[in-house]
Amino acid sequence: MLKGKTVSASRIKIGQLMQPEHANNHGNVHGGWIMKLVDEAGALACMRHAQRRVVTVVVDQMMFRQPIRIGDLVNLTAEVSYAGRTSLEARVEVIAENPITGECVHTNTAYCVYVALGDDGKPTLVPPLIPETDLHRQRMERAKQRQAFRLSHRDEQ
């Protein structure tokens, strides 16, 4: 049995300034660019937890609540919210910050699922997740429910 790891041990933070090449001609950052950053942040948190390479399996619904503009600093915080046998779910929060005024806006939160790979390229066991707070326990319980839902609908795809 692998030794468990805490939620905070997986947490990563990434910041990136949004440039014109990230946006459309109205100055709004492309959702696909944010999705790429979300996937990278989630994968890094899961790699930190599993100490293995991971591959993306699922990106749950991603709803953009507020636009992100050229010149915004996009801050992503990712942490593992669920660890199964070989799969992990990462919770990724996206905040757009105006670096001049300091105003921050929560633009979205996404949940992504990854599978850890062994040296042979096949799924491998991951350490159990240890929640540290009541909020972590609540998030972990909701993540278990999401995972059960995903698994129950896997054959419908």
Foldseek 3Di string as FASTA:
>chain_A
DDAADEFVQLKDKDKDAAAPVQDDPVFFGDPVVVVVVQVVRQQSSQCSQQVAHKDWDDKPDKAFPDTAGHQWIKMKIKTWLFFDFFKTKIKIWIWTANVVVRDIDTTTIIITMIGGADPVRDGGGTHGYDYDDPVSVVSNVVVVVVVVVCVVCVVVD
